[in-house]
């Protein structure tokens, strides 16, 4: 089972689980983004007008359908740096906090 984590500086907003045997495609990405929009409205009501999304440029994220859906949500997509294991924001911000909490 795979888990996609959406988070901001205040913490986790949404955890979305992919069932075994399923694959991530444009439809799945659009469904996740729709869930994220609804959950963000509930847990971060102050984010009504400004929303910055950073995700990688994998095919489901870069597909025309996904890009059009993000545009319909009026979100801004931040550019993602080229892959480098020492530059992944999640490694530092999210997993570092999890590691600290689980240590010992």
PDB file of N, CA and C in Angstrom:
ATOM      1  N   UNK A   1       0.851  -1.166   0.000  1.00  0.00           N
ATOM      2  CA  UNK A   1       0.000   0.000   0.000  1.00  0.00           C
ATOM      3  C   UNK A   1       0.895   1.227   0.000  1.00  0.00           C
ATOM      4  N   UNK A   2       0.559   2.206  -0.826  1.00  0.00           N
ATOM      5  CA  UNK A   2       1.330   3.436  -0.915  1.00  0.00           C
ATOM      6  C   UNK A   2       0.517   4.576  -0.315  1.00  0.00           C
ATOM      7  N   UNK A   3       1.199   5.502   0.319  1.00  0.00           N
ATOM      8  CA  UNK A   3       0.549   6.655   0.931  1.00  0.00           C
ATOM      9  C   UNK A   3       1.106   7.925   0.313  1.00  0.00           C
ATOM     10  N   UNK A   4       0.220   8.803  -0.134  1.00  0.00           N
ATOM     11  CA  UNK A   4       0.608  10.127  -0.603  1.00  0.00           C
ATOM     12  C   UNK A   4       0.296  11.098   0.521  1.00  0.00           C
ATOM     13  N   UNK A   5       1.263  11.958   0.836  1.00  0.00           N
ATOM     14  CA  UNK A   5       1.117  12.904   1.939  1.00  0.00           C
ATOM     15  C   UNK A   5       1.104  14.321   1.380  1.00  0.00           C
ATOM     16  N   UNK A   6       0.081  15.065   1.730  1.00  0.00           N
ATOM     17  CA  UNK A   6       0.001  16.480   1.395  1.00  0.00           C
ATOM     18  C   UNK A   6       0.160  17.250   2.705  1.00  0.00           C
ATOM     19  N   UNK A   7       1.074  18.198   2.716  1.00  0.00           N
ATOM     20  CA  UNK A   7       1.362  18.907   3.960  1.00  0.00           C
ATOM     21  C   UNK A   7       1.812  20.328   3.673  1.00  0.00           C
ATOM     22  N   UNK A   8       1.739  21.142   4.693  1.00  0.00           N
ATOM     23  CA  UNK A   8       2.272  22.498   4.620  1.00  0.00           C
ATOM     24  C   UNK A   8       3.087  22.764   5.877  1.00  0.00           C
ATOM     25  N   UNK A   9       3.464  23.988   6.094  1.00  0.00           N
ATOM     26  CA  UNK A   9       4.332  24.295   7.234  1.00  0.00           C
ATOM     27  C   UNK A   9       3.655  24.058   8.577  1.00  0.00           C
ATOM     28  N   UNK A  10       2.338  23.962   8.596  1.00  0.00           N
ATOM     29  CA  UNK A  10       1.621  23.719   9.847  1.00  0.00           C
ATOM     30  C   UNK A  10       1.424  22.236  10.138  1.00  0.00           C
ATOM     31  N   UNK A  11       1.646  21.387   9.144  1.00  0.00           N
ATOM     32  CA  UNK A  11       1.495  19.951   9.357  1.00  0.00           C
ATOM     33  C   UNK A  11       0.800  19.252   8.207  1.00  0.00           C
ATOM     34  N   UNK A  12       0.441  18.012   8.438  1.00  0.00           N
ATOM     35  CA  UNK A  12      -0.199  17.184   7.416  1.00  0.00           C
ATOM     36  C   UNK A  12      -1.622  17.667   7.174  1.00  0.00           C
ATOM     37  N   UNK A  13      -1.988  17.776   5.907  1.00  0.00           N
ATOM     38  CA  UNK A  13      -3.347  18.162   5.520  1.00  0.00           C
ATOM     39  C   UNK A  13      -4.142  16.931   5.104  1.00  0.00           C
ATOM     40  N   UNK A  14      -3.522  16.059   4.322  1.00  0.00           N
ATOM     41  CA  UNK A  14      -4.247  14.902   3.788  1.00  0.00           C
ATOM     42  C   UNK A  14      -3.297  13.724   3.600  1.00  0.00           C
ATOM     43  N   UNK A  15      -3.750  12.559   4.000  1.00  0.00           N
ATOM     44  CA  UNK A  15      -3.087  11.299   3.687  1.00  0.00           C
ATOM     45  C   UNK A  15      -4.011  10.555   2.738  1.00  0.00           C
ATOM     46  N   UNK A  16      -3.481  10.122   1.607  1.00  0.00           N
ATOM     47  CA  UNK A  16      -4.295   9.392   0.641  1.00  0.00           C
ATOM     48  C   UNK A  16      -3.601   8.077   0.336  1.00  0.00           C
ATOM     49  N   UNK A  17      -4.312   6.978   0.497  1.00  0.00           N
ATOM     50  CA  UNK A  17      -3.727   5.654   0.337  1.00  0.00           C
ATOM     51  C   UNK A  17      -4.128   5.046  -0.999  1.00  0.00           C
ATOM     52  N   UNK A  18      -3.155   4.434  -1.655  1.00  0.00           N
ATOM     53  CA  UNK A  18      -3.371   3.750  -2.915  1.00  0.00           C
ATOM     54  C   UNK A  18      -3.473   2.258  -2.625  1.00  0.00           C
ATOM     55  N   UNK A  19      -4.578   1.667  -3.009  1.00  0.00           N
ATOM     56  CA  UNK A  19      -4.797   0.248  -2.768  1.00  0.00           C
ATOM     57  C   UNK A  19      -3.823  -0.596  -3.572  1.00  0.00           C
ATOM     58  N   UNK A  20      -3.432  -1.749  -3.048  1.00  0.00           N
ATOM     59  CA  UNK A  20      -2.544  -2.637  -3.800  1.00  0.00           C
ATOM     60  C   UNK A  20      -3.143  -2.978  -5.162  1.00  0.00           C
ATOM     61  N   UNK A  21      -2.299  -2.957  -6.180  1.00  0.00           N
ATOM     62  CA  UNK A  21      -2.748  -3.261  -7.530  1.00  0.00           C
ATOM     63  C   UNK A  21      -3.180  -2.047  -8.323  1.00  0.00           C
ATOM     64  N   UNK A  22      -3.443  -0.926  -7.657  1.00  0.00           N
ATOM     65  CA  UNK A  22      -3.812   0.299  -8.363  1.00  0.00           C
ATOM     66  C   UNK A  22      -2.548   1.029  -8.786  1.00  0.00           C
ATOM     67  N   UNK A  23      -2.681   1.851  -9.801  1.00  0.00           N
ATOM     68  CA  UNK A  23      -1.560   2.673 -10.249  1.00  0.00           C
ATOM     69  C   UNK A  23      -1.961   4.139 -10.228  1.00  0.00           C
ATOM     70  N   UNK A  24      -0.964   4.983 -10.132  1.00  0.00           N
ATOM     71  CA  UNK A  24      -1.226   6.420 -10.173  1.00  0.00           C
ATOM     72  C   UNK A  24      -1.263   6.839 -11.637  1.00  0.00           C
ATOM     73  N   UNK A  25      -2.379   7.428 -12.024  1.00  0.00           N
ATOM     74  CA  UNK A  25      -2.534   7.963 -13.369  1.00  0.00           C
ATOM     75  C   UNK A  25      -3.192   9.339 -13.249  1.00  0.00           C
ATOM     76  N   UNK A  26      -3.510   9.944 -14.364  1.00  0.00           N
ATOM     77  CA  UNK A  26      -4.097  11.287 -14.333  1.00  0.00           C
ATOM     78  C   UNK A  26      -5.404  11.320 -13.545  1.00  0.00           C
ATOM     79  N   UNK A  27      -6.253  10.340 -13.755  1.00  0.00           N
ATOM     80  CA  UNK A  27      -7.533  10.303 -13.032  1.00  0.00           C
ATOM     81  C   UNK A  27      -7.312  10.212 -11.532  1.00  0.00           C
ATOM     82  N   UNK A  28      -6.359   9.383 -11.120  1.00  0.00           N
ATOM     83  CA  UNK A  28      -6.067   9.265  -9.688  1.00  0.00           C
ATOM     84  C   UNK A  28      -5.521  10.587  -9.143  1.00  0.00           C
ATOM     85  N   UNK A  29      -4.630  11.238  -9.891  1.00  0.00           N
ATOM     86  CA  UNK A  29      -4.077  12.514  -9.451  1.00  0.00           C
ATOM     87  C   UNK A  29      -5.166  13.571  -9.301  1.00  0.00           C
ATOM     88  N   UNK A  30      -6.075  13.613 -10.249  1.00  0.00           N
ATOM     89  CA  UNK A  30      -7.175  14.578 -10.192  1.00  0.00           C
ATOM     90  C   UNK A  30      -8.067  14.298  -8.987  1.00  0.00           C
ATOM     91  N   UNK A  31      -8.333  13.028  -8.714  1.00  0.00           N
ATOM     92  CA  UNK A  31      -9.127  12.663  -7.536  1.00  0.00           C
ATOM     93  C   UNK A  31      -8.425  13.100  -6.256  1.00  0.00           C
ATOM     94  N   UNK A  32      -7.124  12.869  -6.178  1.00  0.00           N
ATOM     95  CA  UNK A  32      -6.353  13.291  -5.004  1.00  0.00           C
ATOM     96  C   UNK A  32      -6.401  14.803  -4.822  1.00  0.00           C
ATOM     97  N   UNK A  33      -6.233  15.541  -5.909  1.00  0.00           N
ATOM     98  CA  UNK A  33      -6.245  17.000  -5.825  1.00  0.00           C
ATOM     99  C   UNK A  33      -7.617  17.529  -5.411  1.00  0.00           C
ATOM    100  N   UNK A  34      -8.662  16.860  -5.863  1.00  0.00           N
ATOM    101  CA  UNK A  34     -10.024  17.237  -5.454  1.00  0.00           C
ATOM    102  C   UNK A  34     -10.205  17.001  -3.956  1.00  0.00           C
ATOM    103  N   UNK A  35      -9.715  15.858  -3.460  1.00  0.00           N
ATOM    104  CA  UNK A  35      -9.755  15.583  -2.017  1.00  0.00           C
ATOM    105  C   UNK A  35      -8.944  16.625  -1.252  1.00  0.00           C
ATOM    106  N   UNK A  36      -7.777  16.966  -1.802  1.00  0.00           N
ATOM    107  CA  UNK A  36      -6.920  17.958  -1.151  1.00  0.00           C
ATOM    108  C   UNK A  36      -7.616  19.308  -1.054  1.00  0.00           C
ATOM    109  N   UNK A  37      -8.285  19.716  -2.103  1.00  0.00           N
ATOM    110  CA  UNK A  37      -9.017  20.995  -2.102  1.00  0.00           C
ATOM    111  C   UNK A  37     -10.073  20.994  -0.995  1.00  0.00           C
ATOM    112  N   UNK A  38     -10.854  19.920  -0.892  1.00  0.00           N
ATOM    113  CA  UNK A  38     -11.911  19.836   0.121  1.00  0.00           C
ATOM    114  C   UNK A  38     -11.317  19.812   1.527  1.00  0.00           C
ATOM    115  N   UNK A  39     -10.266  19.018   1.723  1.00  0.00           N
ATOM    116  CA  UNK A  39      -9.656  18.911   3.050  1.00  0.00           C
ATOM    117  C   UNK A  39      -8.976  20.218   3.455  1.00  0.00           C
ATOM    118  N   UNK A  40      -8.345  20.886   2.500  1.00  0.00           N
ATOM    119  CA  UNK A  40      -7.703  22.165   2.804  1.00  0.00           C
ATOM    120  C   UNK A  40      -8.737  23.189   3.245  1.00  0.00           C
ATOM    121  N   UNK A  41      -9.884  23.191   2.608  1.00  0.00           N
ATOM    122  CA  UNK A  41     -10.953  24.115   3.000  1.00  0.00           C
ATOM    123  C   UNK A  41     -11.391  23.874   4.434  1.00  0.00           C
ATOM    124  N   UNK A  42     -11.348  22.596   4.869  1.00  0.00           N
ATOM    125  CA  UNK A  42     -11.747  22.271   6.241  1.00  0.00           C
ATOM    126  C   UNK A  42     -10.667  22.613   7.263  1.00  0.00           C
ATOM    127  N   UNK A  43      -9.417  22.232   6.977  1.00  0.00           N
ATOM    128  CA  UNK A  43      -8.368  22.376   7.995  1.00  0.00           C
ATOM    129  C   UNK A  43      -7.554  23.661   7.870  1.00  0.00           C
ATOM    130  N   UNK A  44      -7.582  24.317   6.727  1.00  0.00           N
ATOM    131  CA  UNK A  44      -6.861  25.574   6.518  1.00  0.00           C
ATOM    132  C   UNK A  44      -7.792  26.581   5.822  1.00  0.00           C
ATOM    133  N   UNK A  45      -8.866  26.991   6.497  1.00  0.00           N
ATOM    134  CA  UNK A  45      -9.842  27.875   5.848  1.00  0.00           C
ATOM    135  C   UNK A  45      -9.239  29.203   5.384  1.00  0.00           C
ATOM    136  N   UNK A  46      -8.111  29.598   5.962  1.00  0.00           N
ATOM    137  CA  UNK A  46      -7.478  30.847   5.558  1.00  0.00           C
ATOM    138  C   UNK A  46      -6.851  30.769   4.169  1.00  0.00           C
ATOM    139  N   UNK A  47      -6.715  29.572   3.616  1.00  0.00           N
ATOM    140  CA  UNK A  47      -6.099  29.385   2.300  1.00  0.00           C
ATOM    141  C   UNK A  47      -7.145  29.432   1.184  1.00  0.00           C
ATOM    142  N   UNK A  48      -8.044  30.368   1.241  1.00  0.00           N
ATOM    143  CA  UNK A  48      -9.104  30.442   0.236  1.00  0.00           C
ATOM    144  C   UNK A  48      -8.608  31.010  -1.089  1.00  0.00           C
ATOM    145  N   UNK A  49      -7.655  31.933  -1.035  1.00  0.00           N
ATOM    146  CA  UNK A  49      -7.241  32.584  -2.273  1.00  0.00           C
ATOM    147  C   UNK A  49      -5.836  32.205  -2.728  1.00  0.00           C
ATOM    148  N   UNK A  50      -4.957  31.880  -1.813  1.00  0.00           N
ATOM    149  CA  UNK A  50      -3.574  31.578  -2.176  1.00  0.00           C
ATOM    150  C   UNK A  50      -3.267  30.119  -1.896  1.00  0.00           C
ATOM    151  N   UNK A  51      -2.842  29.419  -2.938  1.00  0.00           N
ATOM    152  CA  UNK A  51      -2.468  28.029  -2.759  1.00  0.00           C
ATOM    153  C   UNK A  51      -1.313  27.743  -3.697  1.00  0.00           C
ATOM    154  N   UNK A  52      -0.191  27.337  -3.135  1.00  0.00           N
ATOM    155  CA  UNK A  52       0.986  26.981  -3.921  1.00  0.00           C
ATOM    156  C   UNK A  52       1.192  25.483  -3.816  1.00  0.00           C
ATOM    157  N   UNK A  53       1.304  24.818  -4.939  1.00  0.00           N
ATOM    158  CA  UNK A  53       1.467  23.371  -4.979  1.00  0.00           C
ATOM    159  C   UNK A  53       2.835  23.047  -5.551  1.00  0.00           C
ATOM    160  N   UNK A  54       3.580  22.232  -4.835  1.00  0.00           N
ATOM    161  CA  UNK A  54       4.845  21.742  -5.386  1.00  0.00           C
ATOM    162  C   UNK A  54       4.767  20.230  -5.474  1.00  0.00           C
ATOM    163  N   UNK A  55       4.910  19.729  -6.667  1.00  0.00           N
ATOM    164  CA  UNK A  55       4.974  18.285  -6.878  1.00  0.00           C
ATOM    165  C   UNK A  55       5.953  18.030  -8.012  1.00  0.00           C
ATOM    166  N   UNK A  56       6.319  16.780  -8.182  1.00  0.00           N
ATOM    167  CA  UNK A  56       7.314  16.469  -9.202  1.00  0.00           C
ATOM    168  C   UNK A  56       6.677  16.500 -10.589  1.00  0.00           C
ATOM    169  N   UNK A  57       7.471  16.192 -11.586  1.00  0.00           N
ATOM    170  CA  UNK A  57       6.973  16.264 -12.960  1.00  0.00           C
ATOM    171  C   UNK A  57       6.746  14.883 -13.564  1.00  0.00           C
ATOM    172  N   UNK A  58       6.274  13.942 -12.754  1.00  0.00           N
ATOM    173  CA  UNK A  58       5.948  12.625 -13.290  1.00  0.00           C
ATOM    174  C   UNK A  58       4.776  12.748 -14.263  1.00  0.00           C
ATOM    175  N   UNK A  59       4.587  11.754 -15.079  1.00  0.00           N
ATOM    176  CA  UNK A  59       3.541  11.821 -16.118  1.00  0.00           C
ATOM    177  C   UNK A  59       2.149  12.130 -15.577  1.00  0.00           C
ATOM    178  N   UNK A  60       1.704  11.479 -14.494  1.00  0.00           N
ATOM    179  CA  UNK A  60       0.369  11.820 -13.997  1.00  0.00           C
ATOM    180  C   UNK A  60       0.252  13.282 -13.538  1.00  0.00           C
ATOM    181  N   UNK A  61       1.333  13.834 -13.005  1.00  0.00           N
ATOM    182  CA  UNK A  61       1.299  15.221 -12.533  1.00  0.00           C
ATOM    183  C   UNK A  61       1.416  16.219 -13.674  1.00  0.00           C
ATOM    184  N   UNK A  62       2.102  15.833 -14.742  1.00  0.00           N
ATOM    185  CA  UNK A  62       2.349  16.744 -15.851  1.00  0.00           C
ATOM    186  C   UNK A  62       1.372  16.557 -17.013  1.00  0.00           C
ATOM    187  N   UNK A  63       0.436  15.628 -16.884  1.00  0.00           N
ATOM    188  CA  UNK A  63      -0.505  15.389 -17.984  1.00  0.00           C
ATOM    189  C   UNK A  63      -1.400  16.604 -18.195  1.00  0.00           C
ATOM    190  N   UNK A  64      -1.879  16.752 -19.401  1.00  0.00           N
ATOM    191  CA  UNK A  64      -2.748  17.881 -19.744  1.00  0.00           C
ATOM    192  C   UNK A  64      -3.988  17.905 -18.851  1.00  0.00           C
ATOM    193  N   UNK A  65      -4.582  16.730 -18.599  1.00  0.00           N
ATOM    194  CA  UNK A  65      -5.783  16.673 -17.749  1.00  0.00           C
ATOM    195  C   UNK A  65      -5.491  17.194 -16.342  1.00  0.00           C
ATOM    196  N   UNK A  66      -4.369  16.782 -15.764  1.00  0.00           N
ATOM    197  CA  UNK A  66      -4.021  17.210 -14.412  1.00  0.00           C
ATOM    198  C   UNK A  66      -3.705  18.703 -14.385  1.00  0.00           C
ATOM    199  N   UNK A  67      -2.936  19.165 -15.357  1.00  0.00           N
ATOM    200  CA  UNK A  67      -2.582  20.587 -15.432  1.00  0.00           C
ATOM    201  C   UNK A  67      -3.843  21.439 -15.575  1.00  0.00           C
ATOM    202  N   UNK A  68      -4.783  21.010 -16.403  1.00  0.00           N
ATOM    203  CA  UNK A  68      -6.044  21.746 -16.572  1.00  0.00           C
ATOM    204  C   UNK A  68      -6.848  21.749 -15.269  1.00  0.00           C
ATOM    205  N   UNK A  69      -6.850  20.630 -14.550  1.00  0.00           N
ATOM    206  CA  UNK A  69      -7.584  20.567 -13.282  1.00  0.00           C
ATOM    207  C   UNK A  69      -6.966  21.518 -12.259  1.00  0.00           C
ATOM    208  N   UNK A  70      -5.652  21.534 -12.165  1.00  0.00           N
ATOM    209  CA  UNK A  70      -4.973  22.448 -11.240  1.00  0.00           C
ATOM    210  C   UNK A  70      -5.299  23.890 -11.611  1.00  0.00           C
ATOM    211  N   UNK A  71      -5.312  24.179 -12.897  1.00  0.00           N
ATOM    212  CA  UNK A  71      -5.660  25.527 -13.359  1.00  0.00           C
ATOM    213  C   UNK A  71      -7.092  25.881 -12.975  1.00  0.00           C
ATOM    214  N   UNK A  72      -8.013  24.921 -13.078  1.00  0.00           N
ATOM    215  CA  UNK A  72      -9.416  25.184 -12.715  1.00  0.00           C
ATOM    216  C   UNK A  72      -9.571  25.467 -11.220  1.00  0.00           C
ATOM    217  N   UNK A  73      -8.613  24.965 -10.410  1.00  0.00           N
ATOM    218  CA  UNK A  73      -8.632  25.226  -8.970  1.00  0.00           C
ATOM    219  C   UNK A  73      -7.979  26.566  -8.626  1.00  0.00           C
ATOM    220  N   UNK A  74      -7.390  27.211  -9.634  1.00  0.00           N
ATOM    221  CA  UNK A  74      -6.677  28.494  -9.469  1.00  0.00           C
ATOM    222  C   UNK A  74      -5.471  28.364  -8.540  1.00  0.00           C
ATOM    223  N   UNK A  75      -4.810  27.226  -8.589  1.00  0.00           N
ATOM    224  CA  UNK A  75      -3.611  27.003  -7.797  1.00  0.00           C
ATOM    225  C   UNK A  75      -2.390  27.333  -8.630  1.00  0.00           C
ATOM    226  N   UNK A  76      -1.335  27.720  -7.968  1.00  0.00           N
ATOM    227  CA  UNK A  76      -0.057  27.978  -8.617  1.00  0.00           C
ATOM    228  C   UNK A  76       0.858  26.792  -8.353  1.00  0.00           C
ATOM    229  N   UNK A  77       1.471  26.282  -9.406  1.00  0.00           N
ATOM    230  CA  UNK A  77       2.407  25.172  -9.262  1.00  0.00           C
ATOM    231  C   UNK A  77       3.821  25.736  -9.219  1.00  0.00           C
ATOM    232  N   UNK A  78       4.535  25.415  -8.152  1.00  0.00           N
ATOM    233  CA  UNK A  78       5.931  25.832  -8.028  1.00  0.00           C
ATOM    234  C   UNK A  78       6.807  24.870  -8.811  1.00  0.00           C
ATOM    235  N   UNK A  79       7.853  25.377  -9.436  1.00  0.00           N
ATOM    236  CA  UNK A  79       8.739  24.473 -10.169  1.00  0.00           C
ATOM    237  C   UNK A  79       9.443  23.517  -9.213  1.00  0.00           C
ATOM    238  N   UNK A  80       9.657  22.322  -9.681  1.00  0.00           N
ATOM    239  CA  UNK A  80      10.320  21.293  -8.881  1.00  0.00           C
ATOM    240  C   UNK A  80      11.746  21.166  -9.375  1.00  0.00           C
ATOM    241  N   UNK A  81      12.692  21.192  -8.464  1.00  0.00           N
ATOM    242  CA  UNK A  81      14.090  21.067  -8.856  1.00  0.00           C
ATOM    243  C   UNK A  81      14.362  19.670  -9.392  1.00  0.00           C
ATOM    244  N   UNK A  82      15.434  19.551 -10.137  1.00  0.00           N
ATOM    245  CA  UNK A  82      15.832  18.241 -10.622  1.00  0.00           C
ATOM    246  C   UNK A  82      16.055  17.318  -9.439  1.00  0.00           C
ATOM    247  N   UNK A  83      15.855  16.036  -9.649  1.00  0.00           N
ATOM    248  CA  UNK A  83      15.952  15.091  -8.537  1.00  0.00           C
ATOM    249  C   UNK A  83      17.352  15.064  -7.945  1.00  0.00           C
ATOM    250  N   UNK A  84      17.382  15.186  -6.672  1.00  0.00           N
ATOM    251  CA  UNK A  84      18.612  15.008  -5.914  1.00  0.00           C
ATOM    252  C   UNK A  84      18.186  14.612  -4.520  1.00  0.00           C
ATOM    253  N   UNK A  85      18.707  13.507  -4.044  1.00  0.00           N
ATOM    254  CA  UNK A  85      18.265  13.011  -2.741  1.00  0.00           C
ATOM    255  C   UNK A  85      18.560  14.001  -1.615  1.00  0.00           C
ATOM    256  N   UNK A  86      19.524  14.883  -1.797  1.00  0.00           N
ATOM    257  CA  UNK A  86      19.814  15.844  -0.740  1.00  0.00           C
ATOM    258  C   UNK A  86      19.031  17.142  -0.896  1.00  0.00           C
ATOM    259  N   UNK A  87      18.167  17.229  -1.908  1.00  0.00           N
ATOM    260  CA  UNK A  87      17.373  18.433  -2.104  1.00  0.00           C
ATOM    261  C   UNK A  87      15.873  18.214  -1.925  1.00  0.00           C
ATOM    262  N   UNK A  88      15.478  17.008  -1.552  1.00  0.00           N
ATOM    263  CA  UNK A  88      14.056  16.720  -1.424  1.00  0.00           C
ATOM    264  C   UNK A  88      13.500  17.381  -0.167  1.00  0.00           C
ATOM    265  N   UNK A  89      12.590  18.361  -0.289  1.00  0.00           N
ATOM    266  CA  UNK A  89      12.047  19.033   0.884  1.00  0.00           C
ATOM    267  C   UNK A  89      11.365  18.076   1.855  1.00  0.00           C
ATOM    268  N   UNK A  90      10.706  17.055   1.328  1.00  0.00           N
ATOM    269  CA  UNK A  90      10.005  16.116   2.193  1.00  0.00           C
ATOM    270  C   UNK A  90      10.963  15.392   3.120  1.00  0.00           C
ATOM    271  N   UNK A  91      12.121  15.040   2.608  1.00  0.00           N
ATOM    272  CA  UNK A  91      13.100  14.333   3.434  1.00  0.00           C
ATOM    273  C   UNK A  91      13.472  15.142   4.670  1.00  0.00           C
ATOM    274  N   UNK A  92      13.601  16.423   4.504  1.00  0.00           N
ATOM    275  CA  UNK A  92      14.014  17.278   5.616  1.00  0.00           C
ATOM    276  C   UNK A  92      12.853  17.659   6.516  1.00  0.00           C
ATOM    277  N   UNK A  93      11.748  18.071   5.917  1.00  0.00           N
ATOM    278  CA  UNK A  93      10.660  18.652   6.690  1.00  0.00           C
ATOM    279  C   UNK A  93       9.685  17.633   7.253  1.00  0.00           C
ATOM    280  N   UNK A  94       9.244  16.702   6.456  1.00  0.00           N
ATOM    281  CA  UNK A  94       8.227  15.755   6.905  1.00  0.00           C
ATOM    282  C   UNK A  94       8.849  14.528   7.561  1.00  0.00           C
ATOM    283  N   UNK A  95       9.730  13.850   6.853  1.00  0.00           N
ATOM    284  CA  UNK A  95      10.289  12.618   7.394  1.00  0.00           C
ATOM    285  C   UNK A  95      11.211  12.881   8.577  1.00  0.00           C
ATOM    286  N   UNK A  96      11.854  14.038   8.589  1.00  0.00           N
ATOM    287  CA  UNK A  96      12.682  14.376   9.749  1.00  0.00           C
ATOM    288  C   UNK A  96      11.852  14.473  11.022  1.00  0.00           C
ATOM    289  N   UNK A  97      10.680  15.102  10.917  1.00  0.00           N
ATOM    290  CA  UNK A  97       9.774  15.204  12.073  1.00  0.00           C
ATOM    291  C   UNK A  97       9.264  13.834  12.484  1.00  0.00           C
ATOM    292  N   UNK A  98       8.927  13.007  11.507  1.00  0.00           N
ATOM    293  CA  UNK A  98       8.440  11.662  11.819  1.00  0.00           C
ATOM    294  C   UNK A  98       9.536  10.857  12.513  1.00  0.00           C
ATOM    295  N   UNK A  99      10.760  10.960  12.011  1.00  0.00           N
ATOM    296  CA  UNK A  99      11.871  10.229  12.594  1.00  0.00           C
ATOM    297  C   UNK A  99      12.106  10.662  14.043  1.00  0.00           C
ATOM    298  N   UNK A 100      12.036  11.972  14.284  1.00  0.00           N
ATOM    299  CA  UNK A 100      12.217  12.475  15.635  1.00  0.00           C
ATOM    300  C   UNK A 100      11.152  11.946  16.583  1.00  0.00           C
ATOM    301  N   UNK A 101       9.909  11.879  16.127  1.00  0.00           N
ATOM    302  CA  UNK A 101       8.805  11.417  16.955  1.00  0.00           C
ATOM    303  C   UNK A 101       8.896   9.912  17.231  1.00  0.00           C
ATOM    304  N   UNK A 102       9.400   9.152  16.250  1.00  0.00           N
ATOM    305  CA  UNK A 102       9.462   7.703  16.394  1.00  0.00           C
ATOM    306  C   UNK A 102      10.753   7.221  17.058  1.00  0.00           C
ATOM    307  N   UNK A 103      11.726   8.090  17.184  1.00  0.00           N
ATOM    308  CA  UNK A 103      13.033   7.705  17.743  1.00  0.00           C
ATOM    309  C   UNK A 103      12.898   7.287  19.203  1.00  0.00           C
ATOM    310  N   UNK A 104      13.523   6.194  19.532  1.00  0.00           N
ATOM    311  CA  UNK A 104      13.578   5.757  20.926  1.00  0.00           C
ATOM    312  C   UNK A 104      12.328   5.075  21.368  1.00  0.00           C
TER     313      UNK A 104
END
